[in-house]
Protein backbone atom coordinates (compact mmCIF):
# COMPACT_ATOMS: atom_id res chain seq x y z
CA MET A 1 -7.11 -5.64 0.49
CA LEU A 2 -5.12 -2.88 -0.84
CA PRO A 3 -6.10 -0.46 -3.61
CA ALA A 4 -4.09 -0.83 -6.61
CA LEU A 5 -0.95 1.34 -6.61
CA ALA A 6 -1.40 4.14 -9.07
CA VAL A 7 2.23 5.08 -11.00
CA ALA A 8 2.89 7.83 -13.21
CA VAL A 9 6.47 7.54 -15.03
CA CYS A 10 7.55 10.54 -17.18
CA ASP A 11 10.64 10.60 -19.70
CA ASP A 12 11.22 12.45 -23.18
CA GLU A 13 13.08 9.44 -24.46
CA PRO A 14 10.94 6.50 -25.72
CA ALA A 15 13.44 3.91 -24.89
CA LEU A 16 14.29 4.64 -21.53
CA LEU A 17 10.65 5.65 -20.79
CA ALA A 18 10.00 1.72 -21.78
CA ARG A 19 12.64 0.56 -19.93
CA THR A 20 11.74 2.22 -16.51
CA GLN A 21 7.97 0.89 -17.43
CA ARG A 22 9.35 -2.76 -17.73
CA LEU A 23 11.65 -2.35 -14.25
CA LEU A 24 8.57 -0.99 -12.52
CA GLU A 25 6.28 -3.82 -13.87
CA GLN A 26 8.97 -6.44 -12.67
CA GLN A 27 8.96 -4.96 -9.42
CA LEU A 28 5.24 -4.45 -8.74
CA ALA A 29 4.48 -7.72 -10.51
CA SER A 30 3.07 -9.14 -6.74
CA LEU A 31 1.10 -6.08 -6.32
CA PRO A 32 -2.09 -4.52 -7.59
CA HIS A 33 -0.77 -1.65 -9.89
CA GLN A 34 -1.57 0.47 -12.79
CA ILE A 35 1.12 2.55 -14.80
CA ARG A 36 0.76 5.09 -17.02
CA THR A 37 3.32 6.71 -18.75
CA PHE A 38 4.10 10.29 -20.33
CA THR A 39 6.34 12.05 -22.18
CA ASP A 40 5.60 15.61 -21.30
CA ALA A 41 4.33 17.17 -18.03
CA ASP A 42 0.79 18.75 -19.06
CA PRO A 43 -0.68 15.44 -19.96
CA LEU A 44 0.37 13.73 -16.97
CA LEU A 45 -1.10 16.87 -14.34
CA ARG A 46 -4.39 16.56 -16.19
CA ALA A 47 -4.10 12.96 -15.57
CA ALA A 48 -3.44 13.62 -11.76
CA ALA A 49 -6.45 15.94 -11.84
CA ALA A 50 -8.66 13.25 -12.83
CA ARG A 51 -7.24 10.08 -10.42
CA PRO A 52 -4.46 11.12 -7.95
CA PHE A 53 -1.18 9.01 -8.31
CA ASP A 54 0.36 7.23 -5.49
CA LEU A 55 3.97 7.56 -6.97
CA ALA A 56 5.81 9.26 -9.95
CA VAL A 57 9.04 8.42 -11.49
CA LEU A 58 10.05 11.28 -13.26
CA ASP A 59 12.92 12.34 -15.22
CA ILE A 60 14.51 15.60 -14.07
CA GLN A 61 15.61 17.07 -17.50
CA LEU A 62 12.25 17.18 -19.93
CA SER A 63 12.51 18.74 -23.33
CA GLN A 64 9.79 21.03 -22.87
CA SER A 65 9.69 21.55 -18.68
CA SER A 66 11.65 20.43 -15.34
CA GLY A 67 11.00 17.44 -13.85
CA ILE A 68 11.41 19.25 -10.48
CA GLU A 69 8.85 21.87 -11.56
CA LEU A 70 6.66 19.06 -12.66
CA ALA A 71 7.02 17.60 -9.37
CA GLN A 72 6.30 20.87 -7.39
CA HIS A 73 2.94 20.98 -9.53
CA LEU A 74 1.93 17.23 -8.95
CA LEU A 75 2.12 17.82 -5.44
CA ASP A 76 0.08 20.66 -5.16
CA ARG A 77 -2.45 18.15 -7.09
CA CYS A 78 -1.60 15.02 -5.34
CA PRO A 79 0.04 15.52 -1.90
CA ALA A 80 0.34 12.31 -0.73
CA CYS A 81 1.91 11.25 -3.80
CA GLN A 82 5.70 10.10 -3.55
CA VAL A 83 8.32 11.25 -6.20
CA ILE A 84 11.37 9.41 -7.47
CA PHE A 85 13.52 11.46 -9.53
CA LEU A 86 15.83 9.93 -12.41
CA THR A 87 18.30 11.51 -14.02
CA ALA A 88 21.50 11.11 -16.24
CA HIS A 89 23.51 13.96 -14.60
CA ILE A 90 24.59 13.89 -11.13
CA ALA A 91 24.80 17.69 -10.99
CA TYR A 92 20.78 17.77 -10.55
CA CYS A 93 21.31 16.34 -6.98
CA GLN A 94 21.26 19.60 -5.00
CA ASP A 95 18.38 20.99 -7.22
CA VAL A 96 15.70 18.18 -6.23
CA TYR A 97 16.05 19.37 -2.55
CA ASP A 98 13.62 21.95 -3.32
CA VAL A 99 11.00 19.56 -3.83
CA ASP A 100 9.76 16.63 -1.34
CA HIS A 101 10.98 13.27 -2.94
CA ILE A 102 11.72 9.78 -1.48
CA ALA A 103 14.81 9.27 -3.91
CA PHE A 104 17.56 10.34 -6.76
CA VAL A 105 18.27 7.72 -8.95
CA LEU A 106 21.07 8.00 -11.72
CA LYS A 107 19.60 6.25 -14.90
CA GLN A 108 22.70 4.48 -15.39
CA GLU A 109 22.47 2.86 -11.57
CA MET A 110 18.70 2.37 -12.37
CA ASP A 111 18.61 -1.31 -12.42
CA SER A 112 20.31 -1.36 -8.76
CA ARG A 113 18.83 1.57 -7.31
CA LEU A 114 15.16 2.12 -8.47
CA PRO A 115 13.80 -1.50 -6.97
CA PRO A 116 14.98 -0.45 -3.41
CA ALA A 117 13.55 3.27 -3.81
CA LEU A 118 10.26 1.45 -4.86
CA ALA A 119 10.31 -0.98 -1.91
CA ARG A 120 10.48 2.25 0.46
CA ALA A 121 7.61 4.00 -1.59
CA CYS A 122 5.59 1.04 -1.30
CA ALA A 123 6.25 0.85 2.72
CA ARG A 124 5.59 4.19 3.10
CA ARG A 125 2.04 4.08 1.20
CA ASP A 126 1.18 1.30 3.30
CA ARG A 127 1.72 2.84 6.52
CA THR A 128 -0.21 6.06 5.53
CA LEU A 129 -3.64 4.40 3.44
CA PRO A 130 -6.34 5.90 5.05
CA ALA A 131 -8.11 3.71 7.30
CA ARG A 132 -11.26 1.87 6.02
CA THR A 133 -12.43 1.41 9.60
CA SER A 134 -14.48 3.65 11.80
CA GLY A 135 -11.01 5.10 13.50
CA ARG A 136 -11.90 3.35 16.56
CA LEU A 137 -9.17 2.43 19.29
CA LEU A 138 -8.92 -1.16 20.59
CA VAL A 139 -8.05 -1.23 24.24
CA LEU A 140 -6.30 -4.25 25.70
CA GLY A 141 -5.10 -5.32 29.18
CA GLU A 142 -6.46 -4.52 32.37
CA PRO A 143 -6.67 -0.93 34.65
CA GLY A 144 -3.07 -0.30 35.69
CA ARG A 145 -1.80 -2.26 32.81
CA ALA A 146 -3.86 -1.13 29.67
CA PHE A 147 -3.10 0.29 26.30
CA GLN A 148 -4.95 0.99 23.08
CA LEU A 149 -4.14 0.86 19.48
CA PRO A 150 -5.80 2.01 16.50
CA GLU A 151 -7.93 -0.58 14.64
CA ALA A 152 -6.88 0.65 11.28
CA ASP A 153 -2.99 -0.45 12.02
CA ILE A 154 -3.89 -4.29 12.92
CA LEU A 155 -2.80 -6.83 10.19
CA TYR A 156 -4.16 -9.78 11.63
CA LEU A 157 -4.87 -11.70 14.93
CA GLU A 158 -3.41 -15.09 16.09
CA ARG A 159 -4.45 -17.34 19.10
CA LYS A 160 -1.24 -19.27 20.31
CA VAL A 161 -2.24 -21.68 23.66
CA ARG A 162 -3.34 -18.94 26.11
CA THR A 163 -2.09 -15.98 24.33
CA THR A 164 -3.83 -13.90 21.46
CA TRP A 165 -1.44 -11.80 19.18
CA VAL A 166 -1.96 -8.74 17.72
CA HIS A 167 0.04 -8.08 14.67
CA THR A 168 0.16 -4.61 13.94
CA LEU A 169 1.76 -2.12 11.44
CA GLY A 170 4.01 -0.96 14.22
CA GLY A 171 4.68 -4.47 15.94
CA THR A 172 3.02 -7.47 17.78
CA LEU A 173 1.05 -7.03 21.04
CA SER A 174 -0.29 -9.76 23.46
CA THR A 175 -3.47 -10.22 25.51
CA ALA A 176 -4.67 -13.43 27.62
CA GLU A 177 -8.14 -12.48 25.71
CA LYS A 178 -9.51 -15.01 23.69
CA LEU A 179 -9.90 -14.47 19.77
CA GLU A 180 -13.75 -14.72 19.57
CA PRO A 181 -14.34 -12.22 22.15
CA LEU A 182 -11.86 -9.58 21.13
CA LEU A 183 -13.46 -9.97 17.67
CA THR A 184 -16.73 -8.80 19.04
CA ARG A 185 -14.96 -5.46 20.17
CA LEU A 186 -13.64 -4.95 16.36
CA ASP A 187 -15.17 -3.74 13.30
CA ALA A 188 -17.41 -6.39 12.14
CA THR A 189 -17.03 -5.41 8.57
CA GLY A 190 -13.08 -5.08 8.63
CA PHE A 191 -12.24 -8.02 10.33
CA CYS A 192 -13.22 -11.80 9.95
CA GLN A 193 -12.02 -15.17 11.49
CA THR A 194 -10.83 -17.38 9.18
CA HIS A 195 -9.79 -20.39 11.66
CA LYS A 196 -10.12 -21.46 15.12
CA SER A 197 -6.56 -19.68 15.83
CA PHE A 198 -6.27 -16.46 13.14
CA ALA A 199 -8.49 -13.41 11.97
CA ILE A 200 -7.70 -11.36 9.06
CA HIS A 201 -8.07 -7.67 8.66
CA TRP A 202 -9.54 -7.23 5.34
CA PRO A 203 -7.63 -3.92 4.22
CA PHE A 204 -4.38 -5.74 4.63
CA ALA A 205 -5.16 -9.21 2.55
CA ARG A 206 -2.90 -9.05 -0.28
CA ARG A 207 -4.45 -12.18 -2.01
CA TYR A 208 -7.56 -14.29 -1.28
CA GLU A 209 -7.51 -18.06 -2.38
CA LYS A 210 -9.79 -20.91 -1.34
CA ASP A 211 -8.26 -21.97 1.48
CA SER A 212 -5.49 -19.38 2.69
CA ILE A 213 -5.51 -15.50 3.05
CA ARG A 214 -1.99 -13.83 2.23
CA VAL A 215 -1.33 -10.87 4.26
CA GLN A 216 0.44 -7.49 3.11
CA ASP A 217 3.85 -8.58 5.60
CA GLY A 218 3.84 -12.00 3.79
CA THR A 219 2.22 -13.84 6.00
CA VAL A 220 -0.02 -16.67 5.19
CA LEU A 221 -3.69 -17.42 7.28
CA PRO A 222 -5.44 -20.57 6.84
CA ILE A 223 -8.78 -20.81 6.01
CA SER A 224 -10.33 -23.70 7.61
CA ARG A 225 -13.46 -25.38 6.10
CA ALA A 226 -15.57 -24.47 9.08
CA TYR A 227 -14.79 -20.94 8.08
CA SER A 228 -14.93 -20.95 4.55
CA ALA A 229 -18.45 -19.73 4.03
CA ALA A 230 -18.36 -17.06 6.51
CA VAL A 231 -14.97 -15.83 5.28
CA ARG A 232 -16.34 -15.73 1.78
CA GLN A 233 -19.63 -13.61 2.96
CA SER A 234 -17.45 -11.29 4.71
CA PHE A 235 -15.14 -10.71 1.94
CA LEU A 236 -18.20 -10.02 -0.10
CA THR A 237 -19.61 -7.53 2.42
CA TYR A 238 -16.13 -5.72 2.90
CA MET A 239 -15.95 -5.50 -0.85
CA ALA A 240 -19.06 -3.59 -1.27
CA THR A 241 -18.18 -0.94 1.48
CA LEU A 242 -15.34 0.11 -1.00
CA GLN A 243 -15.55 3.46 -2.83
CA PRO A 244 -16.33 3.50 -6.37
CA GLY A 245 -13.40 2.95 -8.54
CA GLU A 246 -11.33 0.77 -6.25
CA GLU A 247 -10.73 -2.77 -6.87
CA LYS A 248 -13.77 -4.91 -7.10
CA ALA A 249 -12.95 -8.01 -7.91
CA PRO A 250 -11.72 -11.03 -5.62
CA LEU A 251 -7.95 -11.50 -5.56
CA GLY A 252 -6.41 -15.02 -6.67
C-alpha cells in the first residue's frame, strides 16, 4: 500500500485556491492523499519542515513573495517534492526554469492542463518511493541466461500454465520457476500469495478488499477462500512494519 500523497497548494487569491483544491480532490479521489492550502510562503515552509510534501502546486505571483523563490526554498527542505507552477501570465514561462519543476500551467487552462501534470507527478512519485523491503535482488533464469532485478520494483507475480510472470515497474519478466518456490526467495513480510496463481507485493497494493486486491497499475488480484486468512495475517504483519505517521488502517 502506498503512503498518502502529501500535497501543498499556495495561492493568495482565495477563489483560485479553492478552485485548485477542488480540481486536485477530484483527480486524487482514488488515491490516499492529504491536501493543505496556503496563501503565503512562510506557513507552507514551516509545514514542510514538520512534514515533507510530495507535491506542491504554486502560484508564481504571490502578494508577499515569488512562487519561484518559494519553490527553491521548499526544495531545500523537501528535495523529493515535485513542483507544478500556476500562473495567469505566460511571460513567466522563462523564469520557472531557474528551479526544478514538472509542469507550468496557465490558470485559464487549468481544467485541461493540471490533470495530466498531476498524473505525471504521481507516476514519478510511485517510481521513486523508498523501498520497503531489504533492497535485495531477485535472480531469475539459469547460468548463461540469468538476470536480476530489485525486489522493490516488483508489483505482483502471476502463474499461467507453466510460466510465472513477474510484473515490475519496468515491465514484465517470465520464468519457468513455480510461484511457491519463487516466493521463498522473496521478502516474507512484503510478499503474500493470494491465490494459487497470484502473489501481491504489499507496497504496491492500492486497495485491499475481502476477495480481491487492486494493484497500483490497476490490476485486480483475486483472494481465494483457501488463502484469505493467510492474506489477512500477512497484511497485518506488513502494516506493523510501517513507520510512525504512515497509513495504518486497512484499505477498503
